[in-house]
Amino acid sequence: MIPASTYLCLAVAIVAEVIATSALKASDGFTKLAPSLITVAGYAVAFWLLSFAIRAMPAGIVYAIWSGAGIVLISAVGWVWFKQSLDAPALFGLGLIVLGVIVVNVFSKSVSH
Protein backbone atom coordinates (compact mmCIF):
# COMPACT_ATOMS: atom_id res chain seq x y z
CA MET A 1 0.00 0.00 0.00
CA ILE A 2 1.30 3.41 -0.93
CA PRO A 3 1.15 5.90 1.95
CA ALA A 4 -1.04 8.97 1.58
CA SER A 5 2.09 11.08 2.08
CA THR A 6 3.42 9.78 -1.26
CA TYR A 7 0.34 11.04 -3.07
CA LEU A 8 0.49 14.29 -1.10
CA CYS A 9 4.10 14.83 -2.20
CA LEU A 10 3.10 14.07 -5.78
CA ALA A 11 0.11 16.44 -5.64
CA VAL A 12 2.16 19.31 -4.19
CA ALA A 13 4.91 18.62 -6.77
CA ILE A 14 2.30 18.98 -9.52
CA VAL A 15 1.01 22.26 -8.08
CA ALA A 16 4.57 23.59 -7.69
CA GLU A 17 5.33 22.69 -11.30
CA VAL A 18 2.18 24.45 -12.52
CA ILE A 19 3.08 27.56 -10.50
CA ALA A 20 6.64 27.45 -11.88
CA THR A 21 5.43 27.05 -15.46
CA SER A 22 2.96 29.92 -15.04
CA ALA A 23 5.75 32.10 -13.63
CA LEU A 24 8.00 31.04 -16.53
CA LYS A 25 5.43 32.47 -18.94
CA ALA A 26 5.29 35.67 -16.87
CA SER A 27 9.10 35.92 -16.63
CA ASP A 28 9.29 36.98 -20.29
CA GLY A 29 12.38 34.93 -21.04
CA PHE A 30 13.84 35.44 -17.55
CA THR A 31 13.89 39.21 -18.01
CA LYS A 32 11.61 39.86 -15.02
CA LEU A 33 13.18 39.07 -11.63
CA ALA A 34 10.20 38.06 -9.47
CA PRO A 35 8.63 35.60 -11.92
CA SER A 36 12.10 34.22 -12.70
CA LEU A 37 12.77 33.53 -9.01
CA ILE A 38 9.33 31.90 -8.62
CA THR A 39 10.09 29.72 -11.64
CA VAL A 40 13.40 28.46 -10.24
CA ALA A 41 11.99 27.94 -6.73
CA GLY A 42 8.86 26.24 -8.05
CA TYR A 43 10.77 23.77 -10.19
CA ALA A 44 13.18 23.06 -7.33
CA VAL A 45 10.28 22.27 -4.99
CA ALA A 46 8.53 20.22 -7.67
CA PHE A 47 11.54 18.02 -8.38
CA TRP A 48 12.40 17.66 -4.69
CA LEU A 49 8.89 16.43 -3.88
CA LEU A 50 8.82 14.29 -7.00
CA SER A 51 11.90 12.49 -5.68
CA PHE A 52 9.91 11.27 -2.66
CA ALA A 53 7.12 9.90 -4.83
CA ILE A 54 9.62 8.04 -7.03
CA ARG A 55 10.97 6.25 -3.95
CA ALA A 56 7.61 4.59 -3.32
CA MET A 57 6.15 4.17 -6.81
CA PRO A 58 7.53 3.15 -10.22
CA ALA A 59 9.19 6.11 -11.94
CA GLY A 60 7.13 5.72 -15.12
CA ILE A 61 3.86 5.77 -13.21
CA VAL A 62 4.91 8.79 -11.13
CA TYR A 63 6.01 10.64 -14.23
CA ALA A 64 2.81 9.76 -16.11
CA ILE A 65 0.67 11.12 -13.28
CA TRP A 66 2.89 14.18 -12.77
CA SER A 67 3.12 15.14 -16.42
CA GLY A 68 -0.49 14.29 -17.27
CA ALA A 69 -1.97 16.24 -14.38
CA GLY A 70 0.50 19.06 -14.98
CA ILE A 71 -0.46 19.34 -18.65
CA VAL A 72 -4.15 19.53 -17.83
CA LEU A 73 -3.68 22.03 -14.99
CA ILE A 74 -1.32 24.32 -16.89
CA SER A 75 -3.73 24.26 -19.84
CA ALA A 76 -6.51 25.37 -17.48
CA VAL A 77 -4.29 28.10 -16.01
CA GLY A 78 -3.34 29.26 -19.51
CA TRP A 79 -7.00 29.37 -20.48
CA VAL A 80 -8.13 31.30 -17.38
CA TRP A 81 -5.08 33.39 -16.46
CA PHE A 82 -3.38 34.03 -19.80
CA LYS A 83 -6.57 33.98 -21.93
CA GLN A 84 -5.20 31.25 -24.20
CA SER A 85 -7.99 29.54 -26.09
CA LEU A 86 -8.53 25.79 -26.26
CA ASP A 87 -10.39 24.35 -29.23
CA ALA A 88 -12.41 21.13 -29.30
CA PRO A 89 -9.50 18.85 -30.31
CA ALA A 90 -7.36 20.30 -27.50
CA LEU A 91 -10.13 19.73 -24.96
CA PHE A 92 -10.68 16.20 -26.28
CA GLY A 93 -6.96 15.44 -25.99
CA LEU A 94 -6.84 16.83 -22.45
CA GLY A 95 -9.82 14.64 -21.60
CA LEU A 96 -7.90 11.62 -22.88
CA ILE A 97 -4.95 12.57 -20.67
CA VAL A 98 -7.23 12.75 -17.63
CA LEU A 99 -8.74 9.41 -18.57
CA GLY A 100 -5.27 7.90 -18.94
CA VAL A 101 -4.21 9.10 -15.47
CA ILE A 102 -7.41 7.63 -14.01
CA VAL A 103 -6.88 4.29 -15.77
CA VAL A 104 -3.29 4.07 -14.49
CA ASN A 105 -4.33 4.85 -10.91
CA VAL A 106 -7.47 2.73 -10.75
CA PHE A 107 -6.69 -0.31 -12.89
CA SER A 108 -2.92 -0.70 -13.11
CA LYS A 109 -1.30 -3.31 -10.91
CA SER A 110 1.92 -1.27 -11.16
CA VAL A 111 0.47 1.07 -8.56
CA SER A 112 -0.07 -0.77 -5.27
CA HIS A 113 -3.21 0.59 -3.62
C-alpha atoms as a PDB file:
ATOM      1  CA  MET A   1       0.000   0.000   0.000  1.00  0.00           C
ATOM      2  CA  ILE A   2       1.301   3.405  -0.930  1.00  0.00           C
ATOM      3  CA  PRO A   3       1.146   5.902   1.950  1.00  0.00           C
ATOM      4  CA  ALA A   4      -1.042   8.970   1.577  1.00  0.00           C
ATOM      5  CA  SER A   5       2.095  11.076   2.076  1.00  0.00           C
ATOM      6  CA  THR A   6       3.420   9.783  -1.263  1.00  0.00           C
ATOM      7  CA  TYR A   7       0.337  11.037  -3.073  1.00  0.00           C
ATOM      8  CA  LEU A   8       0.490  14.290  -1.097  1.00  0.00           C
ATOM      9  CA  CYS A   9       4.105  14.831  -2.195  1.00  0.00           C
ATOM     10  CA  LEU A  10       3.104  14.074  -5.779  1.00  0.00           C
ATOM     11  CA  ALA A  11       0.112  16.443  -5.640  1.00  0.00           C
ATOM     12  CA  VAL A  12       2.163  19.306  -4.193  1.00  0.00           C
ATOM     13  CA  ALA A  13       4.907  18.621  -6.767  1.00  0.00           C
ATOM     14  CA  ILE A  14       2.301  18.979  -9.515  1.00  0.00           C
ATOM     15  CA  VAL A  15       1.008  22.255  -8.075  1.00  0.00           C
ATOM     16  CA  ALA A  16       4.575  23.590  -7.689  1.00  0.00           C
ATOM     17  CA  GLU A  17       5.327  22.687 -11.298  1.00  0.00           C
ATOM     18  CA  VAL A  18       2.177  24.451 -12.516  1.00  0.00           C
ATOM     19  CA  ILE A  19       3.084  27.564 -10.496  1.00  0.00           C
ATOM     20  CA  ALA A  20       6.637  27.449 -11.877  1.00  0.00           C
ATOM     21  CA  THR A  21       5.433  27.052 -15.460  1.00  0.00           C
ATOM     22  CA  SER A  22       2.963  29.923 -15.035  1.00  0.00           C
ATOM     23  CA  ALA A  23       5.748  32.095 -13.635  1.00  0.00           C
ATOM     24  CA  LEU A  24       7.996  31.036 -16.526  1.00  0.00           C
ATOM     25  CA  LYS A  25       5.433  32.473 -18.942  1.00  0.00           C
ATOM     26  CA  ALA A  26       5.288  35.669 -16.875  1.00  0.00           C
ATOM     27  CA  SER A  27       9.102  35.918 -16.629  1.00  0.00           C
ATOM     28  CA  ASP A  28       9.288  36.980 -20.285  1.00  0.00           C
ATOM     29  CA  GLY A  29      12.384  34.928 -21.040  1.00  0.00           C
ATOM     30  CA  PHE A  30      13.842  35.436 -17.546  1.00  0.00           C
ATOM     31  CA  THR A  31      13.892  39.207 -18.012  1.00  0.00           C
ATOM     32  CA  LYS A  32      11.610  39.863 -15.015  1.00  0.00           C
ATOM     33  CA  LEU A  33      13.180  39.071 -11.634  1.00  0.00           C
ATOM     34  CA  ALA A  34      10.200  38.062  -9.467  1.00  0.00           C
ATOM     35  CA  PRO A  35       8.627  35.596 -11.917  1.00  0.00           C
ATOM     36  CA  SER A  36      12.097  34.216 -12.700  1.00  0.00           C
ATOM     37  CA  LEU A  37      12.769  33.526  -9.007  1.00  0.00           C
ATOM     38  CA  ILE A  38       9.334  31.902  -8.617  1.00  0.00           C
ATOM     39  CA  THR A  39      10.093  29.717 -11.640  1.00  0.00           C
ATOM     40  CA  VAL A  40      13.402  28.464 -10.242  1.00  0.00           C
ATOM     41  CA  ALA A  41      11.987  27.935  -6.732  1.00  0.00           C
ATOM     42  CA  GLY A  42       8.857  26.242  -8.048  1.00  0.00           C
ATOM     43  CA  TYR A  43      10.766  23.766 -10.191  1.00  0.00           C
ATOM     44  CA  ALA A  44      13.184  23.057  -7.327  1.00  0.00           C
ATOM     45  CA  VAL A  45      10.283  22.273  -4.988  1.00  0.00           C
ATOM     46  CA  ALA A  46       8.527  20.222  -7.673  1.00  0.00           C
ATOM     47  CA  PHE A  47      11.544  18.019  -8.377  1.00  0.00           C
ATOM     48  CA  TRP A  48      12.405  17.663  -4.688  1.00  0.00           C
ATOM     49  CA  LEU A  49       8.891  16.431  -3.881  1.00  0.00           C
ATOM     50  CA  LEU A  50       8.820  14.289  -6.998  1.00  0.00           C
ATOM     51  CA  SER A  51      11.899  12.486  -5.678  1.00  0.00           C
ATOM     52  CA  PHE A  52       9.912  11.272  -2.660  1.00  0.00           C
ATOM     53  CA  ALA A  53       7.115   9.901  -4.828  1.00  0.00           C
ATOM     54  CA  ILE A  54       9.618   8.044  -7.026  1.00  0.00           C
ATOM     55  CA  ARG A  55      10.975   6.247  -3.954  1.00  0.00           C
ATOM     56  CA  ALA A  56       7.606   4.591  -3.320  1.00  0.00           C
ATOM     57  CA  MET A  57       6.154   4.174  -6.811  1.00  0.00           C
ATOM     58  CA  PRO A  58       7.531   3.148 -10.223  1.00  0.00           C
ATOM     59  CA  ALA A  59       9.194   6.115 -11.936  1.00  0.00           C
ATOM     60  CA  GLY A  60       7.132   5.724 -15.117  1.00  0.00           C
ATOM     61  CA  ILE A  61       3.859   5.772 -13.206  1.00  0.00           C
ATOM     62  CA  VAL A  62       4.911   8.794 -11.128  1.00  0.00           C
ATOM     63  CA  TYR A  63       6.007  10.644 -14.233  1.00  0.00           C
ATOM     64  CA  ALA A  64       2.809   9.755 -16.112  1.00  0.00           C
ATOM     65  CA  ILE A  65       0.671  11.121 -13.283  1.00  0.00           C
ATOM     66  CA  TRP A  66       2.893  14.176 -12.766  1.00  0.00           C
ATOM     67  CA  SER A  67       3.121  15.140 -16.418  1.00  0.00           C
ATOM     68  CA  GLY A  68      -0.494  14.293 -17.269  1.00  0.00           C
ATOM     69  CA  ALA A  69      -1.970  16.243 -14.376  1.00  0.00           C
ATOM     70  CA  GLY A  70       0.500  19.063 -14.981  1.00  0.00           C
ATOM     71  CA  ILE A  71      -0.461  19.341 -18.655  1.00  0.00           C
ATOM     72  CA  VAL A  72      -4.146  19.531 -17.828  1.00  0.00           C
ATOM     73  CA  LEU A  73      -3.682  22.025 -14.992  1.00  0.00           C
ATOM     74  CA  ILE A  74      -1.316  24.319 -16.892  1.00  0.00           C
ATOM     75  CA  SER A  75      -3.731  24.261 -19.839  1.00  0.00           C
ATOM     76  CA  ALA A  76      -6.507  25.368 -17.484  1.00  0.00           C
ATOM     77  CA  VAL A  77      -4.289  28.104 -16.012  1.00  0.00           C
ATOM     78  CA  GLY A  78      -3.343  29.262 -19.507  1.00  0.00           C
ATOM     79  CA  TRP A  79      -6.996  29.371 -20.476  1.00  0.00           C
ATOM     80  CA  VAL A  80      -8.130  31.302 -17.385  1.00  0.00           C
ATOM     81  CA  TRP A  81      -5.083  33.388 -16.460  1.00  0.00           C
ATOM     82  CA  PHE A  82      -3.379  34.029 -19.800  1.00  0.00           C
ATOM     83  CA  LYS A  83      -6.575  33.984 -21.927  1.00  0.00           C
ATOM     84  CA  GLN A  84      -5.205  31.246 -24.197  1.00  0.00           C
ATOM     85  CA  SER A  85      -7.994  29.543 -26.088  1.00  0.00           C
ATOM     86  CA  LEU A  86      -8.532  25.792 -26.260  1.00  0.00           C
ATOM     87  CA  ASP A  87     -10.392  24.350 -29.230  1.00  0.00           C
ATOM     88  CA  ALA A  88     -12.408  21.131 -29.298  1.00  0.00           C
ATOM     89  CA  PRO A  89      -9.500  18.853 -30.309  1.00  0.00           C
ATOM     90  CA  ALA A  90      -7.360  20.304 -27.501  1.00  0.00           C
ATOM     91  CA  LEU A  91     -10.132  19.731 -24.963  1.00  0.00           C
ATOM     92  CA  PHE A  92     -10.676  16.202 -26.282  1.00  0.00           C
ATOM     93  CA  GLY A  93      -6.961  15.442 -25.988  1.00  0.00           C
ATOM     94  CA  LEU A  94      -6.842  16.832 -22.453  1.00  0.00           C
ATOM     95  CA  GLY A  95      -9.816  14.640 -21.599  1.00  0.00           C
ATOM     96  CA  LEU A  96      -7.899  11.615 -22.877  1.00  0.00           C
ATOM     97  CA  ILE A  97      -4.950  12.568 -20.673  1.00  0.00           C
ATOM     98  CA  VAL A  98      -7.231  12.750 -17.632  1.00  0.00           C
ATOM     99  CA  LEU A  99      -8.742   9.410 -18.573  1.00  0.00           C
ATOM    100  CA  GLY A 100      -5.266   7.903 -18.937  1.00  0.00           C
ATOM    101  CA  VAL A 101      -4.213   9.100 -15.471  1.00  0.00           C
ATOM    102  CA  ILE A 102      -7.411   7.634 -14.010  1.00  0.00           C
ATOM    103  CA  VAL A 103      -6.877   4.289 -15.767  1.00  0.00           C
ATOM    104  CA  VAL A 104      -3.292   4.075 -14.489  1.00  0.00           C
ATOM    105  CA  ASN A 105      -4.333   4.848 -10.913  1.00  0.00           C
ATOM    106  CA  VAL A 106      -7.474   2.730 -10.750  1.00  0.00           C
ATOM    107  CA  PHE A 107      -6.687  -0.306 -12.893  1.00  0.00           C
ATOM    108  CA  SER A 108      -2.915  -0.699 -13.108  1.00  0.00           C
ATOM    109  CA  LYS A 109      -1.305  -3.305 -10.912  1.00  0.00           C
ATOM    110  CA  SER A 110       1.918  -1.271 -11.163  1.00  0.00           C
ATOM    111  CA  VAL A 111       0.472   1.073  -8.556  1.00  0.00           C
ATOM    112  CA  SER A 112      -0.071  -0.766  -5.270  1.00  0.00           C
ATOM    113  CA  HIS A 113      -3.207   0.589  -3.621  1.00  0.00           C
END
